[in-house]
Amino acid sequence: MDLDLKSRTAVVSGASMGIGRAIAKGLALEGVRVIAIARRGELIEKLAGEVKSAGGADIVPVVQDIMQDDAAKKLAAAALAALGHVDILVNNAGGSRPLPIDAPDSAWEEAIALNFTRYRQVTHALLPQMIERRWGRIINITGKSEPEGLNAAFAAKAAVHAWAKGLSREIGEHGITVNCIPPGRIMSEQIRRNYPEDYRKKFAEEEIPVGYWGEPEDLAALVVFLASARARYITGTVIPVDGGLRRYQF
């Protein structure tokens, strides 16, 4: 299937490792020029070389700490300066924040800023030029809706789902779609470090219907499709990529 992405441009945050890296690579191999945002520029430069050797489009590293107060404006300015315009935005930077019940407000505020506020700020900074061009794709990598305990990231990702649904209804008329993807158990360096192989095997056998943990490329494939013109009628959705792990019916 020709996804007709060769003339497109994209911004991907949290792109140095794992899911973000796979998304940036997947888009670039489809011909999308990508601004890849991360704190470790050397990893993005390595990825850019890998993609170039494979015949993909340019990946431009932008080293930026997403938690800086003015990060959204800086990211939008850097992306527009490098690309001229942005067609596709993938909000991926984030992190789990389990908290005790007596956690201070500052811990909650940090988690909400990282996992929700920055998504919203970067999106709204890039929206005017998408509206002007009457085309855009906003894809948010979020989180599960079955919290087993108190985790500020779960609350923040639920906020992303609600915000994205409302936004999709406001901007659909401009040819812009907004969708969310909550990952299941996706392999990463952190997962390999924190969960022994025997635990992963047992968990997959008992909890994941397909019987194995996913790879970043499994999720990136959906992002690439949602970024394309082929997905023009898909918006306001939450589409898990989890091998059937989630138990709720809708």
C-alpha atoms as a PDB file:
ATOM      1  CA  MET A   1       0.000   0.000   0.000  1.00  0.00           C
ATOM      2  CA  ASP A   2       1.370   3.399  -1.010  1.00  0.00           C
ATOM      3  CA  LEU A   3       0.814   5.673   1.998  1.00  0.00           C
ATOM      4  CA  ASP A   4       1.713   8.779  -0.002  1.00  0.00           C
ATOM      5  CA  LEU A   5       3.950  10.187   2.717  1.00  0.00           C
ATOM      6  CA  LYS A   6       7.015  11.187   0.720  1.00  0.00           C
ATOM      7  CA  SER A   7       6.198  14.906   0.676  1.00  0.00           C
ATOM      8  CA  ARG A   8       5.317  15.087   4.377  1.00  0.00           C
ATOM      9  CA  THR A   9       7.156  16.443   7.416  1.00  0.00           C
ATOM     10  CA  ALA A  10       6.974  15.317  11.028  1.00  0.00           C
ATOM     11  CA  VAL A  11       8.006  16.071  14.589  1.00  0.00           C
ATOM     12  CA  VAL A  12       8.540  13.139  16.958  1.00  0.00           C
ATOM     13  CA  SER A  13       9.337  13.713  20.625  1.00  0.00           C
ATOM     14  CA  GLY A  14      11.158  11.229  22.842  1.00  0.00           C
ATOM     15  CA  ALA A  15      12.770   9.830  19.713  1.00  0.00           C
ATOM     16  CA  SER A  16      16.137   8.551  20.924  1.00  0.00           C
ATOM     17  CA  MET A  17      15.039   5.099  22.099  1.00  0.00           C
ATOM     18  CA  GLY A  18      12.255   2.539  22.083  1.00  0.00           C
ATOM     19  CA  ILE A  19       8.878   3.522  20.687  1.00  0.00           C
ATOM     20  CA  GLY A  20       9.906   7.048  19.679  1.00  0.00           C
ATOM     21  CA  ARG A  21      12.947   5.804  17.808  1.00  0.00           C
ATOM     22  CA  ALA A  22      10.898   3.203  15.933  1.00  0.00           C
ATOM     23  CA  ILE A  23       8.308   5.837  14.994  1.00  0.00           C
ATOM     24  CA  ALA A  24      10.902   8.301  13.703  1.00  0.00           C
ATOM     25  CA  LYS A  25      12.579   5.538  11.707  1.00  0.00           C
ATOM     26  CA  GLY A  26       9.311   4.192  10.321  1.00  0.00           C
ATOM     27  CA  LEU A  27       8.220   7.616   9.091  1.00  0.00           C
ATOM     28  CA  ALA A  28      11.615   8.440   7.597  1.00  0.00           C
ATOM     29  CA  LEU A  29      11.727   5.134   5.724  1.00  0.00           C
ATOM     30  CA  GLU A  30       8.393   6.128   4.160  1.00  0.00           C
ATOM     31  CA  GLY A  31      10.004   9.345   2.940  1.00  0.00           C
ATOM     32  CA  VAL A  32       8.884  11.718   5.703  1.00  0.00           C
ATOM     33  CA  ARG A  33      11.392  14.380   6.763  1.00  0.00           C
ATOM     34  CA  VAL A  34      11.551  14.091  10.546  1.00  0.00           C
ATOM     35  CA  ILE A  35      12.557  16.393  13.380  1.00  0.00           C
ATOM     36  CA  ALA A  36      13.548  13.969  16.149  1.00  0.00           C
ATOM     37  CA  ILE A  37      13.491  15.478  19.642  1.00  0.00           C
ATOM     38  CA  ALA A  38      15.394  13.991  22.565  1.00  0.00           C
ATOM     39  CA  ARG A  39      17.859  14.861  25.294  1.00  0.00           C
ATOM     40  CA  ARG A  40      20.574  12.604  23.843  1.00  0.00           C
ATOM     41  CA  GLY A  41      21.479  13.931  20.438  1.00  0.00           C
ATOM     42  CA  GLU A  42      24.141  11.303  19.768  1.00  0.00           C
ATOM     43  CA  LEU A  43      21.480   8.573  19.661  1.00  0.00           C
ATOM     44  CA  ILE A  44      19.428  10.553  17.144  1.00  0.00           C
ATOM     45  CA  GLU A  45      22.500  11.144  14.983  1.00  0.00           C
ATOM     46  CA  LYS A  46      23.163   7.400  14.980  1.00  0.00           C
ATOM     47  CA  LEU A  47      19.559   6.767  13.932  1.00  0.00           C
ATOM     48  CA  ALA A  48      19.785   9.382  11.191  1.00  0.00           C
ATOM     49  CA  GLY A  49      22.818   7.651   9.737  1.00  0.00           C
ATOM     50  CA  GLU A  50      21.117   4.281   9.885  1.00  0.00           C
ATOM     51  CA  VAL A  51      18.048   5.586   8.049  1.00  0.00           C
ATOM     52  CA  LYS A  52      20.122   7.392   5.435  1.00  0.00           C
ATOM     53  CA  SER A  53      22.033   4.180   4.694  1.00  0.00           C
ATOM     54  CA  ALA A  54      18.685   2.450   4.176  1.00  0.00           C
ATOM     55  CA  GLY A  55      17.565   5.085   1.678  1.00  0.00           C
ATOM     56  CA  GLY A  56      15.179   6.930   3.984  1.00  0.00           C
ATOM     57  CA  ALA A  57      14.505  10.640   4.331  1.00  0.00           C
ATOM     58  CA  ASP A  58      16.406  13.038   6.577  1.00  0.00           C
ATOM     59  CA  ILE A  59      16.135  12.846  10.341  1.00  0.00           C
ATOM     60  CA  VAL A  60      17.202  16.102  11.987  1.00  0.00           C
ATOM     61  CA  PRO A  61      18.200  15.875  15.675  1.00  0.00           C
ATOM     62  CA  VAL A  62      16.924  18.545  18.071  1.00  0.00           C
ATOM     63  CA  VAL A  63      18.350  18.267  21.566  1.00  0.00           C
ATOM     64  CA  GLN A  64      15.733  19.606  23.960  1.00  0.00           C
ATOM     65  CA  ASP A  65      14.565  18.909  27.494  1.00  0.00           C
ATOM     66  CA  ILE A  66      10.790  18.801  27.159  1.00  0.00           C
ATOM     67  CA  MET A  67      10.409  19.850  30.802  1.00  0.00           C
ATOM     68  CA  GLN A  68      11.820  23.350  30.305  1.00  0.00           C
ATOM     69  CA  ASP A  69       9.159  26.015  30.803  1.00  0.00           C
ATOM     70  CA  ASP A  70       9.412  27.353  27.258  1.00  0.00           C
ATOM     71  CA  ALA A  71      10.038  23.969  25.613  1.00  0.00           C
ATOM     72  CA  ALA A  72       6.870  23.982  23.491  1.00  0.00           C
ATOM     73  CA  LYS A  73       7.604  27.323  21.847  1.00  0.00           C
ATOM     74  CA  LYS A  74      11.247  26.404  21.267  1.00  0.00           C
ATOM     75  CA  LEU A  75      10.327  23.059  19.721  1.00  0.00           C
ATOM     76  CA  ALA A  76       7.732  24.568  17.419  1.00  0.00           C
ATOM     77  CA  ALA A  77      10.124  27.312  16.321  1.00  0.00           C
ATOM     78  CA  ALA A  78      12.969  24.863  15.685  1.00  0.00           C
ATOM     79  CA  ALA A  79      10.726  22.505  13.713  1.00  0.00           C
ATOM     80  CA  LEU A  80       9.270  25.234  11.519  1.00  0.00           C
ATOM     81  CA  ALA A  81      12.707  26.725  10.910  1.00  0.00           C
ATOM     82  CA  ALA A  82      14.095  23.364   9.790  1.00  0.00           C
ATOM     83  CA  LEU A  83      11.096  22.034   7.862  1.00  0.00           C
ATOM     84  CA  GLY A  84       9.131  25.094   6.772  1.00  0.00           C
ATOM     85  CA  HIS A  85       5.930  23.460   7.980  1.00  0.00           C
ATOM     86  CA  VAL A  86       4.884  20.459  10.070  1.00  0.00           C
ATOM     87  CA  ASP A  87       2.301  17.978   8.782  1.00  0.00           C
ATOM     88  CA  ILE A  88       2.596  15.283  11.443  1.00  0.00           C
ATOM     89  CA  LEU A  89       3.134  15.600  15.191  1.00  0.00           C
ATOM     90  CA  VAL A  90       3.824  12.546  17.324  1.00  0.00           C
ATOM     91  CA  ASN A  91       3.718  13.330  21.044  1.00  0.00           C
ATOM     92  CA  ASN A  92       5.693  10.505  22.608  1.00  0.00           C
ATOM     93  CA  ALA A  93       7.932  11.892  25.376  1.00  0.00           C
ATOM     94  CA  GLY A  94       6.706  10.880  28.820  1.00  0.00           C
ATOM     95  CA  GLY A  95       7.304   8.601  31.735  1.00  0.00           C
ATOM     96  CA  SER A  96       5.658   6.574  34.483  1.00  0.00           C
ATOM     97  CA  ARG A  97       5.260   8.373  37.809  1.00  0.00           C
ATOM     98  CA  PRO A  98       4.046   6.037  40.610  1.00  0.00           C
ATOM     99  CA  LEU A  99       3.397   8.144  43.706  1.00  0.00           C
ATOM    100  CA  PRO A 100       2.525   7.501  47.354  1.00  0.00           C
ATOM    101  CA  ILE A 101      -0.741   8.934  48.626  1.00  0.00           C
ATOM    102  CA  ASP A 102       1.160  11.625  50.556  1.00  0.00           C
ATOM    103  CA  ALA A 103       3.212  12.789  47.553  1.00  0.00           C
ATOM    104  CA  PRO A 104       3.664  16.574  47.422  1.00  0.00           C
ATOM    105  CA  ASP A 105       1.891  18.694  44.830  1.00  0.00           C
ATOM    106  CA  SER A 106       5.220  19.278  43.077  1.00  0.00           C
ATOM    107  CA  ALA A 107       5.473  15.581  42.163  1.00  0.00           C
ATOM    108  CA  TRP A 108       1.969  15.619  40.681  1.00  0.00           C
ATOM    109  CA  GLU A 109       2.635  18.852  38.835  1.00  0.00           C
ATOM    110  CA  GLU A 110       5.824  17.445  37.288  1.00  0.00           C
ATOM    111  CA  ALA A 111       4.021  14.312  36.089  1.00  0.00           C
ATOM    112  CA  ILE A 112       1.095  16.240  34.645  1.00  0.00           C
ATOM    113  CA  ALA A 113       3.467  18.642  32.880  1.00  0.00           C
ATOM    114  CA  LEU A 114       5.487  15.830  31.318  1.00  0.00           C
ATOM    115  CA  ASN A 115       2.629  13.544  30.335  1.00  0.00           C
ATOM    116  CA  PHE A 116      -0.140  15.998  29.443  1.00  0.00           C
ATOM    117  CA  THR A 117       0.704  19.701  29.464  1.00  0.00           C
ATOM    118  CA  ARG A 118       3.665  19.449  27.081  1.00  0.00           C
ATOM    119  CA  TYR A 119       1.591  17.400  24.635  1.00  0.00           C
ATOM    120  CA  ARG A 120      -1.080  20.096  24.660  1.00  0.00           C
ATOM    121  CA  GLN A 121       1.370  23.004  24.418  1.00  0.00           C
ATOM    122  CA  VAL A 122       3.403  21.598  21.513  1.00  0.00           C
ATOM    123  CA  THR A 123       0.219  20.656  19.647  1.00  0.00           C
ATOM    124  CA  HIS A 124      -1.376  24.069  20.054  1.00  0.00           C
ATOM    125  CA  ALA A 125       1.870  25.763  19.016  1.00  0.00           C
ATOM    126  CA  LEU A 126       1.852  23.867  15.709  1.00  0.00           C
ATOM    127  CA  LEU A 127      -1.901  23.878  15.054  1.00  0.00           C
ATOM    128  CA  PRO A 128      -2.199  27.308  13.357  1.00  0.00           C
ATOM    129  CA  GLN A 129       0.000  26.343  10.421  1.00  0.00           C
ATOM    130  CA  MET A 130      -1.805  22.979  10.084  1.00  0.00           C
ATOM    131  CA  ILE A 131      -5.136  24.799   9.982  1.00  0.00           C
ATOM    132  CA  GLU A 132      -3.774  27.217   7.401  1.00  0.00           C
ATOM    133  CA  ARG A 133      -2.585  24.334   5.210  1.00  0.00           C
ATOM    134  CA  ARG A 134      -5.797  22.353   5.895  1.00  0.00           C
ATOM    135  CA  TRP A 135      -3.947  19.130   6.656  1.00  0.00           C
ATOM    136  CA  GLY A 136      -2.482  17.600   9.764  1.00  0.00           C
ATOM    137  CA  ARG A 137      -1.995  14.484  11.830  1.00  0.00           C
ATOM    138  CA  ILE A 138      -1.637  14.553  15.627  1.00  0.00           C
ATOM    139  CA  ILE A 139      -0.814  11.225  17.255  1.00  0.00           C
ATOM    140  CA  ASN A 140      -0.398  10.876  21.010  1.00  0.00           C
ATOM    141  CA  ILE A 141       1.358   7.916  22.612  1.00  0.00           C
ATOM    142  CA  THR A 142      -0.480   7.556  25.900  1.00  0.00           C
ATOM    143  CA  GLY A 143      -0.989   4.837  28.506  1.00  0.00           C
ATOM    144  CA  LYS A 144      -3.293   2.208  29.885  1.00  0.00           C
ATOM    145  CA  SER A 145      -6.660   2.857  31.499  1.00  0.00           C
ATOM    146  CA  GLU A 146      -6.453   0.059  34.083  1.00  0.00           C
ATOM    147  CA  PRO A 147      -4.250   1.463  36.872  1.00  0.00           C
ATOM    148  CA  GLU A 148      -3.187  -1.108  39.447  1.00  0.00           C
ATOM    149  CA  GLY A 149      -2.180   1.636  41.854  1.00  0.00           C
ATOM    150  CA  LEU A 150      -1.667   5.367  42.225  1.00  0.00           C
ATOM    151  CA  ASN A 151       0.359   6.650  39.290  1.00  0.00           C
ATOM    152  CA  ALA A 152       0.286  10.274  38.199  1.00  0.00           C
ATOM    153  CA  ALA A 153       1.084   9.287  34.618  1.00  0.00           C
ATOM    154  CA  PHE A 154      -2.176   7.328  34.375  1.00  0.00           C
ATOM    155  CA  ALA A 155      -4.142  10.417  35.387  1.00  0.00           C
ATOM    156  CA  ALA A 156      -2.201  12.557  32.910  1.00  0.00           C
ATOM    157  CA  LYS A 157      -2.725  10.117  30.043  1.00  0.00           C
ATOM    158  CA  ALA A 158      -6.461  10.006  30.791  1.00  0.00           C
ATOM    159  CA  ALA A 159      -6.385  13.791  30.456  1.00  0.00           C
ATOM    160  CA  VAL A 160      -4.692  13.409  27.060  1.00  0.00           C
ATOM    161  CA  HIS A 161      -7.490  11.102  25.909  1.00  0.00           C
ATOM    162  CA  ALA A 162     -10.180  13.588  26.955  1.00  0.00           C
ATOM    163  CA  TRP A 163      -8.354  16.602  25.491  1.00  0.00           C
ATOM    164  CA  ALA A 164      -7.619  14.795  22.220  1.00  0.00           C
ATOM    165  CA  LYS A 165     -11.250  13.745  21.792  1.00  0.00           C
ATOM    166  CA  GLY A 166     -12.467  17.297  22.304  1.00  0.00           C
ATOM    167  CA  LEU A 167      -9.778  18.715  20.016  1.00  0.00           C
ATOM    168  CA  SER A 168     -10.666  16.239  17.259  1.00  0.00           C
ATOM    169  CA  ARG A 169     -14.190  17.652  17.166  1.00  0.00           C
ATOM    170  CA  GLU A 170     -12.934  21.217  16.883  1.00  0.00           C
ATOM    171  CA  ILE A 171     -10.414  20.777  14.068  1.00  0.00           C
ATOM    172  CA  GLY A 172     -11.755  17.938  11.940  1.00  0.00           C
ATOM    173  CA  GLU A 173     -13.185  20.411   9.448  1.00  0.00           C
ATOM    174  CA  HIS A 174      -9.646  21.576   8.685  1.00  0.00           C
ATOM    175  CA  GLY A 175      -8.467  18.156   7.525  1.00  0.00           C
ATOM    176  CA  ILE A 176      -6.638  17.440  10.798  1.00  0.00           C
ATOM    177  CA  THR A 177      -7.027  14.194  12.731  1.00  0.00           C
ATOM    178  CA  VAL A 178      -6.174  13.519  16.374  1.00  0.00           C
ATOM    179  CA  ASN A 179      -5.690   9.999  17.725  1.00  0.00           C
ATOM    180  CA  CYS A 180      -4.211   8.281  20.776  1.00  0.00           C
ATOM    181  CA  ILE A 181      -2.306   5.004  21.046  1.00  0.00           C
ATOM    182  CA  PRO A 182      -1.866   3.394  24.479  1.00  0.00           C
ATOM    183  CA  PRO A 183       0.971   0.844  24.312  1.00  0.00           C
ATOM    184  CA  GLY A 184       0.802  -2.522  25.988  1.00  0.00           C
ATOM    185  CA  ARG A 185       3.920  -4.373  27.085  1.00  0.00           C
ATOM    186  CA  ILE A 186       6.423  -3.143  24.508  1.00  0.00           C
ATOM    187  CA  MET A 187      10.046  -4.262  24.734  1.00  0.00           C
ATOM    188  CA  SER A 188      12.689  -1.658  25.531  1.00  0.00           C
ATOM    189  CA  GLU A 189      16.061  -1.388  27.241  1.00  0.00           C
ATOM    190  CA  GLN A 190      14.253  -0.421  30.439  1.00  0.00           C
ATOM    191  CA  ILE A 191      11.955  -3.430  30.241  1.00  0.00           C
ATOM    192  CA  ARG A 192      14.879  -5.788  29.655  1.00  0.00           C
ATOM    193  CA  ARG A 193      16.707  -4.227  32.595  1.00  0.00           C
ATOM    194  CA  ASN A 194      13.778  -4.271  35.041  1.00  0.00           C
ATOM    195  CA  TYR A 195      11.990  -7.527  34.154  1.00  0.00           C
ATOM    196  CA  PRO A 196      13.887 -10.833  33.937  1.00  0.00           C
ATOM    197  CA  GLU A 197      13.250 -13.026  30.917  1.00  0.00           C
ATOM    198  CA  ASP A 198      11.502 -15.728  32.959  1.00  0.00           C
ATOM    199  CA  TYR A 199       9.042 -13.141  34.335  1.00  0.00           C
ATOM    200  CA  ARG A 200       8.360 -11.773  30.848  1.00  0.00           C
ATOM    201  CA  LYS A 201       7.735 -15.258  29.509  1.00  0.00           C
ATOM    202  CA  LYS A 202       5.337 -16.168  32.340  1.00  0.00           C
ATOM    203  CA  PHE A 203       3.481 -12.848  32.056  1.00  0.00           C
ATOM    204  CA  ALA A 204       3.062 -13.254  28.295  1.00  0.00           C
ATOM    205  CA  GLU A 205       1.737 -16.791  28.658  1.00  0.00           C
ATOM    206  CA  GLU A 206      -0.790 -15.823  31.342  1.00  0.00           C
ATOM    207  CA  GLU A 207      -1.839 -12.277  30.417  1.00  0.00           C
ATOM    208  CA  ILE A 208      -1.163 -11.498  26.738  1.00  0.00           C
ATOM    209  CA  PRO A 209      -3.458 -13.395  24.347  1.00  0.00           C
ATOM    210  CA  VAL A 210      -0.977 -13.376  21.452  1.00  0.00           C
ATOM    211  CA  GLY A 211       1.617 -14.889  23.818  1.00  0.00           C
ATOM    212  CA  TYR A 212       4.518 -12.444  23.588  1.00  0.00           C
ATOM    213  CA  TRP A 213       5.625  -8.902  24.369  1.00  0.00           C
ATOM    214  CA  GLY A 214       5.473  -6.406  21.537  1.00  0.00           C
ATOM    215  CA  GLU A 215       8.338  -4.620  19.832  1.00  0.00           C
ATOM    216  CA  PRO A 216       8.463  -0.845  19.193  1.00  0.00           C
ATOM    217  CA  GLU A 217       7.971  -1.502  15.491  1.00  0.00           C
ATOM    218  CA  ASP A 218       4.565  -3.076  16.204  1.00  0.00           C
ATOM    219  CA  LEU A 219       3.323   0.268  17.478  1.00  0.00           C
ATOM    220  CA  ALA A 220       5.233   2.352  14.927  1.00  0.00           C
ATOM    221  CA  ALA A 221       3.378   0.595  12.107  1.00  0.00           C
ATOM    222  CA  LEU A 222       0.069   1.995  13.362  1.00  0.00           C
ATOM    223  CA  VAL A 223       1.537   5.478  13.768  1.00  0.00           C
ATOM    224  CA  VAL A 224       2.783   5.480  10.184  1.00  0.00           C
ATOM    225  CA  PHE A 225      -0.660   4.461   8.929  1.00  0.00           C
ATOM    226  CA  LEU A 226      -2.491   7.049  11.046  1.00  0.00           C
ATOM    227  CA  ALA A 227      -0.064   9.687   9.738  1.00  0.00           C
ATOM    228  CA  SER A 228      -1.061   8.972   6.157  1.00  0.00           C
ATOM    229  CA  ALA A 229      -3.860  10.229   3.935  1.00  0.00           C
ATOM    230  CA  ARG A 230      -5.275   6.681   3.994  1.00  0.00           C
ATOM    231  CA  ALA A 231      -6.338   7.262   7.616  1.00  0.00           C
ATOM    232  CA  ARG A 232      -8.279  10.447   6.890  1.00  0.00           C
ATOM    233  CA  TYR A 233     -11.536   9.112   8.406  1.00  0.00           C
ATOM    234  CA  ILE A 234      -9.997   7.943  11.686  1.00  0.00           C
ATOM    235  CA  THR A 235     -10.026  10.623  14.389  1.00  0.00           C
ATOM    236  CA  GLY A 236     -10.879  11.041  18.060  1.00  0.00           C
ATOM    237  CA  THR A 237      -9.977   7.419  18.755  1.00  0.00           C
ATOM    238  CA  VAL A 238      -7.976   5.535  21.372  1.00  0.00           C
ATOM    239  CA  ILE A 239      -6.420   2.469  19.716  1.00  0.00           C
ATOM    240  CA  PRO A 240      -4.425   0.146  22.015  1.00  0.00           C
ATOM    241  CA  VAL A 241      -1.457  -1.778  20.642  1.00  0.00           C
ATOM    242  CA  ASP A 242      -1.134  -4.461  23.295  1.00  0.00           C
ATOM    243  CA  GLY A 243      -1.558  -7.960  21.879  1.00  0.00           C
ATOM    244  CA  GLY A 244      -5.013  -8.165  23.502  1.00  0.00           C
ATOM    245  CA  LEU A 245      -3.720  -7.456  27.048  1.00  0.00           C
ATOM    246  CA  ARG A 246      -6.478  -5.061  28.044  1.00  0.00           C
ATOM    247  CA  ARG A 247      -9.607  -6.679  29.407  1.00  0.00           C
ATOM    248  CA  TYR A 248     -12.207  -3.955  28.925  1.00  0.00           C
ATOM    249  CA  GLN A 249     -14.537  -4.293  25.942  1.00  0.00           C
ATOM    250  CA  PHE A 250     -14.479  -0.736  24.569  1.00  0.00           C
END
